[in-house]
Amino acid sequence: MEKTKVEHLFEWMDNTTQIIEQHLKDPYLDSLSIALETLFFQGAEESMDDILTHKLHTALNQVNLEDYNADDIRKAIQFTVLKGMKDTTQQQHLMTPESIALIIGYLVQKLVVDEKPIRIFDPASGTGNLLTTVISQLNQPYEAFASEVDSTLIQLALVSANLQKIPIEFFHQDSLRPFLLDPVDLVVSDLPVGYYPDDIRAANYELKADEGHSFAHYLFIEQSMNYTNPGGYLMLMVPNFIFESEGADRLYPYIQKNAHIVGVIQLPESAFKSKKSSKCILILQKKGKNTEGPKQPLLVQLPSLKNTNAMGDVLAKMNDWFKDYNKNV
């Protein structure tokens, strides 16, 4: 069977990454970053030794970047990153699945219906897969911003965006520290789950814990709200147990005070490694002068994404809901 363009490009990225990994003894994901930079700049870094430079230039002769569109490039990078993440021991080296990123992109299209330029921000961007997938579905001009504390992931995100020709301004920092960023119209993010280690920084947040470490996902919700314009939307992947866990008695009133709950989309468990790690999409609109919440929030349980008939039924119902919602916004 003939290989697809994505498979060809994935093979090139994987083989080139392994060449770099073996030569420099760097981890796979760091080596992938160098492979992608080599592809983007169409040449090896000047600091490389002659043997590796020769190998990389030989590899470049086997691929023509012009043969691939942004979707091909994003998917090939995604497969290569997933391969690298299988071997990593670091829990934060995880990526939002493409299927879920596409659903979030679909939801964004339904909410952001006018064609005026928008500002979009992902405060926990990882490899940038969620943000670039959403941007690829936008129908209007945009300015995009992303933040990530992990140096390997932000390097991958930056070169991935460059290869896809998607302009994004990146912040390499702890995303719970202040940003030099004006508020945005839309926040999309797959929030990190767990405890935030910096209790002094957490003390600045309403959603801090009374004692001990605070939940990072609570603080990220508050930080996302801080950088959203009144009337702007937040589309956040959060753990299913978010409204039942310790501190939820503080989270729910905080959301009620600052935002309208537009919807909660329950994602299929099959999209995650375990029931414990499964997530839902929480859709909020930050309150503004003339904003009103929906009469009835969009509450949906998505079937397995492989069940196309059931998925079609659910999407039809969601489309009807959005028609009514957008009439009243």
C-alpha atoms as a PDB file:
ATOM      1  CA  MET A   1       0.000   0.000   0.000  1.00  0.00           C
ATOM      2  CA  GLU A   2       1.343   3.434  -0.909  1.00  0.00           C
ATOM      3  CA  LYS A   3       2.361   5.616   2.023  1.00  0.00           C
ATOM      4  CA  THR A   4       0.561   8.888   2.648  1.00  0.00           C
ATOM      5  CA  LYS A   5       2.392  12.218   2.704  1.00  0.00           C
ATOM      6  CA  VAL A   6       2.050  12.315   6.491  1.00  0.00           C
ATOM      7  CA  GLU A   7       3.620   8.842   6.804  1.00  0.00           C
ATOM      8  CA  HIS A   8       6.525   9.850   4.527  1.00  0.00           C
ATOM      9  CA  LEU A   9       7.186  13.009   6.525  1.00  0.00           C
ATOM     10  CA  PHE A  10       6.830  11.192   9.861  1.00  0.00           C
ATOM     11  CA  GLU A  11       9.410   8.613   8.718  1.00  0.00           C
ATOM     12  CA  TRP A  12      11.811  11.370   7.690  1.00  0.00           C
ATOM     13  CA  MET A  13      11.365  13.183  11.040  1.00  0.00           C
ATOM     14  CA  ASP A  14      11.746   9.961  13.028  1.00  0.00           C
ATOM     15  CA  ASN A  15      14.839   8.760  11.131  1.00  0.00           C
ATOM     16  CA  THR A  16      16.520  12.173  11.289  1.00  0.00           C
ATOM     17  CA  THR A  17      15.704  12.471  15.007  1.00  0.00           C
ATOM     18  CA  GLN A  18      17.311   9.069  15.654  1.00  0.00           C
ATOM     19  CA  ILE A  19      20.451  10.117  13.747  1.00  0.00           C
ATOM     20  CA  ILE A  20      20.748  13.193  16.002  1.00  0.00           C
ATOM     21  CA  GLU A  21      19.853  11.221  19.145  1.00  0.00           C
ATOM     22  CA  GLN A  22      22.577   8.641  18.498  1.00  0.00           C
ATOM     23  CA  HIS A  23      25.191  11.246  17.585  1.00  0.00           C
ATOM     24  CA  LEU A  24      24.574  13.800  20.369  1.00  0.00           C
ATOM     25  CA  LYS A  25      23.235  11.358  23.022  1.00  0.00           C
ATOM     26  CA  ASP A  26      20.349  13.805  23.600  1.00  0.00           C
ATOM     27  CA  PRO A  27      16.797  12.664  24.544  1.00  0.00           C
ATOM     28  CA  TYR A  28      14.445  11.901  21.625  1.00  0.00           C
ATOM     29  CA  LEU A  29      12.250  15.013  22.032  1.00  0.00           C
ATOM     30  CA  ASP A  30      15.281  17.342  22.192  1.00  0.00           C
ATOM     31  CA  SER A  31      16.719  15.625  19.115  1.00  0.00           C
ATOM     32  CA  LEU A  32      13.356  16.023  17.348  1.00  0.00           C
ATOM     33  CA  SER A  33      13.518  19.752  17.993  1.00  0.00           C
ATOM     34  CA  ILE A  34      16.926  19.880  16.240  1.00  0.00           C
ATOM     35  CA  ALA A  35      15.580  17.771  13.334  1.00  0.00           C
ATOM     36  CA  LEU A  36      12.647  20.165  12.868  1.00  0.00           C
ATOM     37  CA  GLU A  37      14.920  23.216  13.020  1.00  0.00           C
ATOM     38  CA  THR A  38      17.160  21.591  10.394  1.00  0.00           C
ATOM     39  CA  LEU A  39      14.087  21.127   8.192  1.00  0.00           C
ATOM     40  CA  PHE A  40      12.869  24.688   8.759  1.00  0.00           C
ATOM     41  CA  PHE A  41      16.252  26.359   8.126  1.00  0.00           C
ATOM     42  CA  GLN A  42      17.135  23.821   5.382  1.00  0.00           C
ATOM     43  CA  GLY A  43      20.555  23.263   6.896  1.00  0.00           C
ATOM     44  CA  ALA A  44      22.417  22.125   9.989  1.00  0.00           C
ATOM     45  CA  GLU A  45      23.412  24.494  12.795  1.00  0.00           C
ATOM     46  CA  GLU A  46      26.927  25.900  12.396  1.00  0.00           C
ATOM     47  CA  SER A  47      27.931  24.439  15.766  1.00  0.00           C
ATOM     48  CA  MET A  48      27.362  20.848  14.519  1.00  0.00           C
ATOM     49  CA  ASP A  49      30.445  18.754  13.791  1.00  0.00           C
ATOM     50  CA  ASP A  50      31.245  17.731  10.200  1.00  0.00           C
ATOM     51  CA  ILE A  51      29.952  14.153  10.501  1.00  0.00           C
ATOM     52  CA  LEU A  52      26.504  15.160  11.797  1.00  0.00           C
ATOM     53  CA  THR A  53      26.308  18.105   9.367  1.00  0.00           C
ATOM     54  CA  HIS A  54      26.956  15.733   6.446  1.00  0.00           C
ATOM     55  CA  LYS A  55      24.306  13.269   7.713  1.00  0.00           C
ATOM     56  CA  LEU A  56      21.715  16.043   8.115  1.00  0.00           C
ATOM     57  CA  HIS A  57      22.383  17.521   4.679  1.00  0.00           C
ATOM     58  CA  THR A  58      22.064  14.014   3.179  1.00  0.00           C
ATOM     59  CA  ALA A  59      18.715  13.645   4.987  1.00  0.00           C
ATOM     60  CA  LEU A  60      17.519  17.045   3.697  1.00  0.00           C
ATOM     61  CA  ASN A  61      18.085  15.839   0.118  1.00  0.00           C
ATOM     62  CA  GLN A  62      15.425  13.174   0.746  1.00  0.00           C
ATOM     63  CA  VAL A  63      12.577  15.578   1.579  1.00  0.00           C
ATOM     64  CA  ASN A  64      11.006  18.614  -0.095  1.00  0.00           C
ATOM     65  CA  LEU A  65       9.114  20.796   2.401  1.00  0.00           C
ATOM     66  CA  GLU A  66       7.101  22.376  -0.428  1.00  0.00           C
ATOM     67  CA  ASP A  67       5.344  19.020  -0.996  1.00  0.00           C
ATOM     68  CA  TYR A  68       3.536  19.283   2.358  1.00  0.00           C
ATOM     69  CA  ASN A  69       0.773  21.562   3.621  1.00  0.00           C
ATOM     70  CA  ALA A  70       0.376  22.779   7.221  1.00  0.00           C
ATOM     71  CA  ASP A  71      -1.969  19.909   8.154  1.00  0.00           C
ATOM     72  CA  ASP A  72       0.503  17.291   6.858  1.00  0.00           C
ATOM     73  CA  ILE A  73       3.304  18.944   8.820  1.00  0.00           C
ATOM     74  CA  ARG A  74       1.283  19.237  12.040  1.00  0.00           C
ATOM     75  CA  LYS A  75       0.153  15.601  11.910  1.00  0.00           C
ATOM     76  CA  ALA A  76       3.638  14.277  11.147  1.00  0.00           C
ATOM     77  CA  ILE A  77       5.098  16.276  14.045  1.00  0.00           C
ATOM     78  CA  GLN A  78       2.295  15.008  16.261  1.00  0.00           C
ATOM     79  CA  PHE A  79       3.057  11.344  15.472  1.00  0.00           C
ATOM     80  CA  THR A  80       6.762  11.924  16.069  1.00  0.00           C
ATOM     81  CA  VAL A  81       6.121  13.713  19.374  1.00  0.00           C
ATOM     82  CA  LEU A  82       3.809  10.867  20.463  1.00  0.00           C
ATOM     83  CA  LYS A  83       6.570   8.375  19.734  1.00  0.00           C
ATOM     84  CA  GLY A  84       8.985  10.447  21.837  1.00  0.00           C
ATOM     85  CA  MET A  85       6.491  10.781  24.673  1.00  0.00           C
ATOM     86  CA  LYS A  86       6.058   7.006  24.959  1.00  0.00           C
ATOM     87  CA  ASP A  87       9.640   6.798  26.192  1.00  0.00           C
ATOM     88  CA  THR A  88       9.625   9.832  28.448  1.00  0.00           C
ATOM     89  CA  THR A  89       9.298   9.558  32.199  1.00  0.00           C
ATOM     90  CA  GLN A  90       8.116  13.141  32.591  1.00  0.00           C
ATOM     91  CA  GLN A  91       4.370  13.292  33.226  1.00  0.00           C
ATOM     92  CA  GLN A  92       4.014  16.777  31.707  1.00  0.00           C
ATOM     93  CA  HIS A  93       5.215  15.452  28.347  1.00  0.00           C
ATOM     94  CA  LEU A  94       1.702  14.667  27.169  1.00  0.00           C
ATOM     95  CA  MET A  95      -0.193  16.033  24.182  1.00  0.00           C
ATOM     96  CA  THR A  96      -3.835  16.886  23.507  1.00  0.00           C
ATOM     97  CA  PRO A  97      -5.118  14.228  21.061  1.00  0.00           C
ATOM     98  CA  GLU A  98      -5.769  15.520  17.527  1.00  0.00           C
ATOM     99  CA  SER A  99      -9.407  14.333  17.605  1.00  0.00           C
ATOM    100  CA  ILE A 100     -10.113  16.409  20.729  1.00  0.00           C
ATOM    101  CA  ALA A 101      -8.210  19.428  19.382  1.00  0.00           C
ATOM    102  CA  LEU A 102     -10.454  19.263  16.283  1.00  0.00           C
ATOM    103  CA  ILE A 103     -13.599  19.191  18.477  1.00  0.00           C
ATOM    104  CA  ILE A 104     -12.357  22.271  20.355  1.00  0.00           C
ATOM    105  CA  GLY A 105     -11.707  23.954  16.982  1.00  0.00           C
ATOM    106  CA  TYR A 106     -15.276  23.119  15.932  1.00  0.00           C
ATOM    107  CA  LEU A 107     -16.651  24.615  19.185  1.00  0.00           C
ATOM    108  CA  VAL A 108     -14.564  27.765  18.681  1.00  0.00           C
ATOM    109  CA  GLN A 109     -16.022  28.188  15.168  1.00  0.00           C
ATOM    110  CA  LYS A 110     -19.530  27.933  16.631  1.00  0.00           C
ATOM    111  CA  LEU A 111     -18.862  30.553  19.315  1.00  0.00           C
ATOM    112  CA  VAL A 112     -16.755  33.052  17.378  1.00  0.00           C
ATOM    113  CA  VAL A 113     -19.168  33.670  14.521  1.00  0.00           C
ATOM    114  CA  ASP A 114     -18.304  37.187  13.347  1.00  0.00           C
ATOM    115  CA  GLU A 115     -15.279  37.809  11.157  1.00  0.00           C
ATOM    116  CA  LYS A 116     -13.543  40.543  13.137  1.00  0.00           C
ATOM    117  CA  PRO A 117      -9.936  39.808  14.178  1.00  0.00           C
ATOM    118  CA  ILE A 118      -9.537  37.896  17.453  1.00  0.00           C
ATOM    119  CA  ARG A 119      -6.778  37.437  19.993  1.00  0.00           C
ATOM    120  CA  ILE A 120      -6.295  33.853  21.165  1.00  0.00           C
ATOM    121  CA  PHE A 121      -4.133  32.548  24.027  1.00  0.00           C
ATOM    122  CA  ASP A 122      -3.090  29.146  25.381  1.00  0.00           C
ATOM    123  CA  PRO A 123      -1.488  29.537  28.833  1.00  0.00           C
ATOM    124  CA  ALA A 124      -0.332  25.883  28.956  1.00  0.00           C
ATOM    125  CA  SER A 125       0.573  25.254  25.342  1.00  0.00           C
ATOM    126  CA  GLY A 126       2.896  22.238  25.602  1.00  0.00           C
ATOM    127  CA  THR A 127       3.934  21.306  22.048  1.00  0.00           C
ATOM    128  CA  GLY A 128       1.394  23.789  20.623  1.00  0.00           C
ATOM    129  CA  ASN A 129      -0.718  21.055  19.007  1.00  0.00           C
ATOM    130  CA  LEU A 130      -4.051  22.247  20.453  1.00  0.00           C
ATOM    131  CA  LEU A 131      -3.454  25.905  19.581  1.00  0.00           C
ATOM    132  CA  THR A 132      -2.231  25.285  16.008  1.00  0.00           C
ATOM    133  CA  THR A 133      -5.113  22.850  15.344  1.00  0.00           C
ATOM    134  CA  VAL A 134      -7.658  25.450  16.518  1.00  0.00           C
ATOM    135  CA  ILE A 135      -5.985  28.241  14.525  1.00  0.00           C
ATOM    136  CA  SER A 136      -6.043  26.093  11.368  1.00  0.00           C
ATOM    137  CA  GLN A 137      -9.876  26.114  11.589  1.00  0.00           C
ATOM    138  CA  LEU A 138     -10.343  29.864  12.213  1.00  0.00           C
ATOM    139  CA  ASN A 139     -12.108  31.871   9.518  1.00  0.00           C
ATOM    140  CA  GLN A 140     -10.917  35.302  10.638  1.00  0.00           C
ATOM    141  CA  PRO A 141      -7.644  37.169  11.181  1.00  0.00           C
ATOM    142  CA  TYR A 142      -6.045  36.422  14.552  1.00  0.00           C
ATOM    143  CA  GLU A 143      -3.192  37.215  16.899  1.00  0.00           C
ATOM    144  CA  ALA A 144      -2.011  34.161  18.830  1.00  0.00           C
ATOM    145  CA  PHE A 145      -0.109  33.869  22.102  1.00  0.00           C
ATOM    146  CA  ALA A 146       1.109  30.858  24.062  1.00  0.00           C
ATOM    147  CA  SER A 147       2.959  30.168  27.287  1.00  0.00           C
ATOM    148  CA  GLU A 148       4.901  27.100  28.410  1.00  0.00           C
ATOM    149  CA  VAL A 149       7.401  26.581  31.230  1.00  0.00           C
ATOM    150  CA  ASP A 150       9.040  23.405  29.843  1.00  0.00           C
ATOM    151  CA  SER A 151      11.980  24.333  27.582  1.00  0.00           C
ATOM    152  CA  THR A 152      11.789  21.158  25.431  1.00  0.00           C
ATOM    153  CA  LEU A 153       8.061  21.535  24.770  1.00  0.00           C
ATOM    154  CA  ILE A 154       8.205  25.258  23.958  1.00  0.00           C
ATOM    155  CA  GLN A 155      11.089  24.662  21.538  1.00  0.00           C
ATOM    156  CA  LEU A 156       9.012  21.996  19.759  1.00  0.00           C
ATOM    157  CA  ALA A 157       5.969  24.298  19.726  1.00  0.00           C
ATOM    158  CA  LEU A 158       7.959  27.188  18.267  1.00  0.00           C
ATOM    159  CA  VAL A 159       9.523  25.240  15.413  1.00  0.00           C
ATOM    160  CA  SER A 160       6.214  23.426  14.720  1.00  0.00           C
ATOM    161  CA  ALA A 161       4.432  26.802  14.378  1.00  0.00           C
ATOM    162  CA  ASN A 162       7.236  28.064  12.116  1.00  0.00           C
ATOM    163  CA  LEU A 163       6.999  25.016   9.843  1.00  0.00           C
ATOM    164  CA  GLN A 164       3.200  25.433   9.636  1.00  0.00           C
ATOM    165  CA  LYS A 165       3.673  29.194   8.938  1.00  0.00           C
ATOM    166  CA  ILE A 166       1.453  30.059  11.920  1.00  0.00           C
ATOM    167  CA  PRO A 167       2.588  33.236  13.723  1.00  0.00           C
ATOM    168  CA  ILE A 168       2.433  32.753  17.519  1.00  0.00           C
ATOM    169  CA  GLU A 169       4.112  34.849  20.209  1.00  0.00           C
ATOM    170  CA  PHE A 170       5.517  32.516  22.873  1.00  0.00           C
ATOM    171  CA  PHE A 171       6.197  33.211  26.546  1.00  0.00           C
ATOM    172  CA  HIS A 172       8.735  30.863  28.140  1.00  0.00           C
ATOM    173  CA  GLN A 173       7.710  31.217  31.772  1.00  0.00           C
ATOM    174  CA  ASP A 174       5.705  29.858  34.664  1.00  0.00           C
ATOM    175  CA  SER A 175       2.196  30.608  33.377  1.00  0.00           C
ATOM    176  CA  LEU A 176       0.919  31.486  36.841  1.00  0.00           C
ATOM    177  CA  ARG A 177       3.251  34.486  37.005  1.00  0.00           C
ATOM    178  CA  PRO A 178       2.100  37.804  35.445  1.00  0.00           C
ATOM    179  CA  PHE A 179       2.292  38.197  31.641  1.00  0.00           C
ATOM    180  CA  LEU A 180       3.193  41.189  29.505  1.00  0.00           C
ATOM    181  CA  LEU A 181      -0.029  40.549  27.593  1.00  0.00           C
ATOM    182  CA  ASP A 182      -3.180  42.574  26.956  1.00  0.00           C
ATOM    183  CA  PRO A 183      -6.421  40.620  27.508  1.00  0.00           C
ATOM    184  CA  VAL A 184      -7.556  38.288  24.733  1.00  0.00           C
ATOM    185  CA  ASP A 185     -10.928  37.320  23.224  1.00  0.00           C
ATOM    186  CA  LEU A 186     -10.446  33.574  23.507  1.00  0.00           C
ATOM    187  CA  VAL A 187      -8.477  31.240  25.775  1.00  0.00           C
ATOM    188  CA  VAL A 188      -8.105  27.592  24.734  1.00  0.00           C
ATOM    189  CA  SER A 189      -6.088  25.244  26.892  1.00  0.00           C
ATOM    190  CA  ASP A 190      -5.623  21.679  28.075  1.00  0.00           C
ATOM    191  CA  LEU A 191      -4.952  22.543  31.704  1.00  0.00           C
ATOM    192  CA  PRO A 192      -2.246  20.792  33.714  1.00  0.00           C
ATOM    193  CA  VAL A 193      -3.748  18.805  36.587  1.00  0.00           C
ATOM    194  CA  GLY A 194      -2.180  18.447  40.011  1.00  0.00           C
ATOM    195  CA  TYR A 195      -0.604  20.543  42.723  1.00  0.00           C
ATOM    196  CA  TYR A 196       1.260  23.806  42.102  1.00  0.00           C
ATOM    197  CA  PRO A 197       4.515  23.837  44.116  1.00  0.00           C
ATOM    198  CA  ASP A 198       4.958  27.607  44.580  1.00  0.00           C
ATOM    199  CA  ASP A 199       2.792  28.466  47.621  1.00  0.00           C
ATOM    200  CA  ILE A 200       4.026  32.081  47.691  1.00  0.00           C
ATOM    201  CA  ARG A 201       2.873  32.679  44.103  1.00  0.00           C
ATOM    202  CA  ALA A 202      -0.382  30.787  44.735  1.00  0.00           C
ATOM    203  CA  ALA A 203      -1.157  33.123  47.650  1.00  0.00           C
ATOM    204  CA  ASN A 204      -2.027  35.847  45.081  1.00  0.00           C
ATOM    205  CA  TYR A 205      -4.988  33.823  43.802  1.00  0.00           C
ATOM    206  CA  GLU A 206      -8.550  33.656  45.094  1.00  0.00           C
ATOM    207  CA  LEU A 207      -8.600  29.935  44.350  1.00  0.00           C
ATOM    208  CA  LYS A 208      -5.563  29.100  46.486  1.00  0.00           C
ATOM    209  CA  ALA A 209      -5.841  26.282  49.017  1.00  0.00           C
ATOM    210  CA  ASP A 210      -6.403  27.166  52.671  1.00  0.00           C
ATOM    211  CA  GLU A 211      -3.405  25.051  53.587  1.00  0.00           C
ATOM    212  CA  GLY A 212      -0.776  23.099  51.667  1.00  0.00           C
ATOM    213  CA  HIS A 213      -0.254  23.238  47.917  1.00  0.00           C
ATOM    214  CA  SER A 214      -3.013  24.650  45.684  1.00  0.00           C
ATOM    215  CA  PHE A 215      -4.465  22.881  42.644  1.00  0.00           C
ATOM    216  CA  ALA A 216      -2.699  24.080  39.475  1.00  0.00           C
ATOM    217  CA  HIS A 217      -5.878  23.559  37.404  1.00  0.00           C
ATOM    218  CA  TYR A 218      -7.864  25.888  39.726  1.00  0.00           C
ATOM    219  CA  LEU A 219      -5.171  28.570  39.513  1.00  0.00           C
ATOM    220  CA  PHE A 220      -5.003  28.224  35.731  1.00  0.00           C
ATOM    221  CA  ILE A 221      -8.756  28.841  35.476  1.00  0.00           C
ATOM    222  CA  GLU A 222      -8.356  32.050  37.483  1.00  0.00           C
ATOM    223  CA  GLN A 223      -5.272  33.126  35.507  1.00  0.00           C
ATOM    224  CA  SER A 224      -7.108  32.456  32.221  1.00  0.00           C
ATOM    225  CA  MET A 225     -10.004  34.591  33.452  1.00  0.00           C
ATOM    226  CA  ASN A 226      -7.566  37.385  34.371  1.00  0.00           C
ATOM    227  CA  TYR A 227      -6.334  37.592  30.762  1.00  0.00           C
ATOM    228  CA  THR A 228      -9.724  37.352  29.029  1.00  0.00           C
ATOM    229  CA  ASN A 229     -11.668  40.423  27.856  1.00  0.00           C
ATOM    230  CA  PRO A 230     -15.195  40.903  29.276  1.00  0.00           C
ATOM    231  CA  GLY A 231     -17.490  38.952  26.949  1.00  0.00           C
ATOM    232  CA  GLY A 232     -14.582  36.752  25.813  1.00  0.00           C
ATOM    233  CA  TYR A 233     -14.679  32.952  25.890  1.00  0.00           C
ATOM    234  CA  LEU A 234     -12.623  30.323  27.666  1.00  0.00           C
ATOM    235  CA  MET A 235     -12.528  26.756  26.397  1.00  0.00           C
ATOM    236  CA  LEU A 236     -10.637  24.678  28.938  1.00  0.00           C
ATOM    237  CA  MET A 237      -9.955  20.962  29.158  1.00  0.00           C
ATOM    238  CA  VAL A 238     -10.360  20.137  32.851  1.00  0.00           C
ATOM    239  CA  PRO A 239     -10.526  16.883  34.852  1.00  0.00           C
ATOM    240  CA  ASN A 240     -13.951  15.261  35.076  1.00  0.00           C
ATOM    241  CA  PHE A 241     -13.823  15.411  38.863  1.00  0.00           C
ATOM    242  CA  ILE A 242     -13.197  19.174  38.979  1.00  0.00           C
ATOM    243  CA  PHE A 243     -16.513  20.119  40.630  1.00  0.00           C
ATOM    244  CA  GLU A 244     -16.376  17.228  43.095  1.00  0.00           C
ATOM    245  CA  SER A 245     -12.798  17.499  44.370  1.00  0.00           C
ATOM    246  CA  GLU A 246     -11.457  19.278  47.422  1.00  0.00           C
ATOM    247  CA  GLY A 247     -11.867  23.049  47.028  1.00  0.00           C
ATOM    248  CA  ALA A 248     -14.785  22.756  44.576  1.00  0.00           C
ATOM    249  CA  ASP A 249     -16.944  24.638  47.084  1.00  0.00           C
ATOM    250  CA  ARG A 250     -14.759  27.661  46.307  1.00  0.00           C
ATOM    251  CA  LEU A 251     -14.351  27.066  42.558  1.00  0.00           C
ATOM    252  CA  TYR A 252     -18.038  27.010  41.665  1.00  0.00           C
ATOM    253  CA  PRO A 253     -18.904  30.376  43.344  1.00  0.00           C
ATOM    254  CA  TYR A 254     -15.777  31.906  41.725  1.00  0.00           C
ATOM    255  CA  ILE A 255     -16.983  30.837  38.264  1.00  0.00           C
ATOM    256  CA  GLN A 256     -20.561  32.001  38.991  1.00  0.00           C
ATOM    257  CA  LYS A 257     -19.263  35.428  40.053  1.00  0.00           C
ATOM    258  CA  ASN A 258     -16.969  35.954  37.045  1.00  0.00           C
ATOM    259  CA  ALA A 259     -18.435  34.005  34.128  1.00  0.00           C
ATOM    260  CA  HIS A 260     -21.426  32.360  32.503  1.00  0.00           C
ATOM    261  CA  ILE A 261     -21.183  28.590  32.125  1.00  0.00           C
ATOM    262  CA  VAL A 262     -21.891  28.114  28.417  1.00  0.00           C
ATOM    263  CA  GLY A 263     -21.420  24.359  28.368  1.00  0.00           C
ATOM    264  CA  VAL A 264     -19.676  21.212  29.532  1.00  0.00           C
ATOM    265  CA  ILE A 265     -18.696  18.618  26.909  1.00  0.00           C
ATOM    266  CA  GLN A 266     -17.939  15.229  28.421  1.00  0.00           C
ATOM    267  CA  LEU A 267     -15.193  13.593  26.348  1.00  0.00           C
ATOM    268  CA  PRO A 268     -15.208   9.821  25.745  1.00  0.00           C
ATOM    269  CA  GLU A 269     -13.114   7.842  28.220  1.00  0.00           C
ATOM    270  CA  SER A 270     -11.620   5.932  25.279  1.00  0.00           C
ATOM    271  CA  ALA A 271      -9.710   9.111  24.325  1.00  0.00           C
ATOM    272  CA  PHE A 272      -7.668   8.884  27.545  1.00  0.00           C
ATOM    273  CA  LYS A 273      -5.276   6.399  29.115  1.00  0.00           C
ATOM    274  CA  SER A 274      -7.528   5.782  32.124  1.00  0.00           C
ATOM    275  CA  LYS A 275     -10.827   6.817  33.659  1.00  0.00           C
ATOM    276  CA  LYS A 276      -8.884   8.795  36.271  1.00  0.00           C
ATOM    277  CA  SER A 277      -7.137  10.897  33.601  1.00  0.00           C
ATOM    278  CA  SER A 278     -10.284  11.587  31.514  1.00  0.00           C
ATOM    279  CA  LYS A 279     -11.335  15.196  30.947  1.00  0.00           C
ATOM    280  CA  CYS A 280     -14.200  17.366  29.823  1.00  0.00           C
ATOM    281  CA  ILE A 281     -14.308  20.690  27.970  1.00  0.00           C
ATOM    282  CA  LEU A 282     -15.550  23.526  30.175  1.00  0.00           C
ATOM    283  CA  ILE A 283     -16.863  26.469  28.096  1.00  0.00           C
ATOM    284  CA  LEU A 284     -17.134  29.802  29.904  1.00  0.00           C
ATOM    285  CA  GLN A 285     -17.929  33.361  28.861  1.00  0.00           C
ATOM    286  CA  LYS A 286     -16.405  36.058  31.029  1.00  0.00           C
ATOM    287  CA  LYS A 287     -19.131  38.374  32.282  1.00  0.00           C
ATOM    288  CA  GLY A 288     -19.364  41.796  30.648  1.00  0.00           C
ATOM    289  CA  LYS A 289     -21.822  44.729  30.599  1.00  0.00           C
ATOM    290  CA  ASN A 290     -24.276  43.165  28.168  1.00  0.00           C
ATOM    291  CA  THR A 291     -23.543  39.463  28.501  1.00  0.00           C
ATOM    292  CA  GLU A 292     -26.125  36.883  29.473  1.00  0.00           C
ATOM    293  CA  GLY A 293     -25.682  33.186  30.110  1.00  0.00           C
ATOM    294  CA  PRO A 294     -27.561  30.640  27.972  1.00  0.00           C
ATOM    295  CA  LYS A 295     -31.066  29.675  29.100  1.00  0.00           C
ATOM    296  CA  GLN A 296     -29.788  26.126  29.320  1.00  0.00           C
ATOM    297  CA  PRO A 297     -26.016  25.339  29.155  1.00  0.00           C
ATOM    298  CA  LEU A 298     -24.854  22.919  26.486  1.00  0.00           C
ATOM    299  CA  LEU A 299     -24.411  19.601  28.327  1.00  0.00           C
ATOM    300  CA  VAL A 300     -23.172  16.822  26.067  1.00  0.00           C
ATOM    301  CA  GLN A 301     -21.691  13.363  26.525  1.00  0.00           C
ATOM    302  CA  LEU A 302     -19.636  12.590  23.419  1.00  0.00           C
ATOM    303  CA  PRO A 303     -19.740   8.989  22.193  1.00  0.00           C
ATOM    304  CA  SER A 304     -16.626   7.139  21.073  1.00  0.00           C
ATOM    305  CA  LEU A 305     -15.110   9.248  18.290  1.00  0.00           C
ATOM    306  CA  LYS A 306     -14.973   6.093  16.135  1.00  0.00           C
ATOM    307  CA  ASN A 307     -18.795   5.787  16.257  1.00  0.00           C
ATOM    308  CA  THR A 308     -19.523   8.078  13.301  1.00  0.00           C
ATOM    309  CA  ASN A 309     -23.322   7.655  13.381  1.00  0.00           C
ATOM    310  CA  ALA A 310     -23.651   8.534  17.067  1.00  0.00           C
ATOM    311  CA  MET A 311     -21.150  11.376  16.625  1.00  0.00           C
ATOM    312  CA  GLY A 312     -23.208  12.746  13.699  1.00  0.00           C
ATOM    313  CA  ASP A 313     -26.366  12.759  15.864  1.00  0.00           C
ATOM    314  CA  VAL A 314     -24.605  14.582  18.690  1.00  0.00           C
ATOM    315  CA  LEU A 315     -23.099  17.181  16.330  1.00  0.00           C
ATOM    316  CA  ALA A 316     -26.562  17.842  14.808  1.00  0.00           C
ATOM    317  CA  LYS A 317     -27.977  18.513  18.304  1.00  0.00           C
ATOM    318  CA  MET A 318     -25.016  20.737  19.161  1.00  0.00           C
ATOM    319  CA  ASN A 319     -25.489  22.702  15.916  1.00  0.00           C
ATOM    320  CA  ASP A 320     -29.151  23.335  16.854  1.00  0.00           C
ATOM    321  CA  TRP A 321     -28.132  24.465  20.340  1.00  0.00           C
ATOM    322  CA  PHE A 322     -25.549  26.914  18.944  1.00  0.00           C
ATOM    323  CA  LYS A 323     -28.107  28.381  16.496  1.00  0.00           C
ATOM    324  CA  ASP A 324     -30.379  29.253  19.421  1.00  0.00           C
ATOM    325  CA  TYR A 325     -27.495  30.480  21.571  1.00  0.00           C
ATOM    326  CA  ASN A 326     -26.051  32.769  18.887  1.00  0.00           C
ATOM    327  CA  LYS A 327     -29.494  34.323  18.249  1.00  0.00           C
ATOM    328  CA  ASN A 328     -29.605  35.468  21.855  1.00  0.00           C
ATOM    329  CA  VAL A 329     -25.973  36.550  22.339  1.00  0.00           C
END
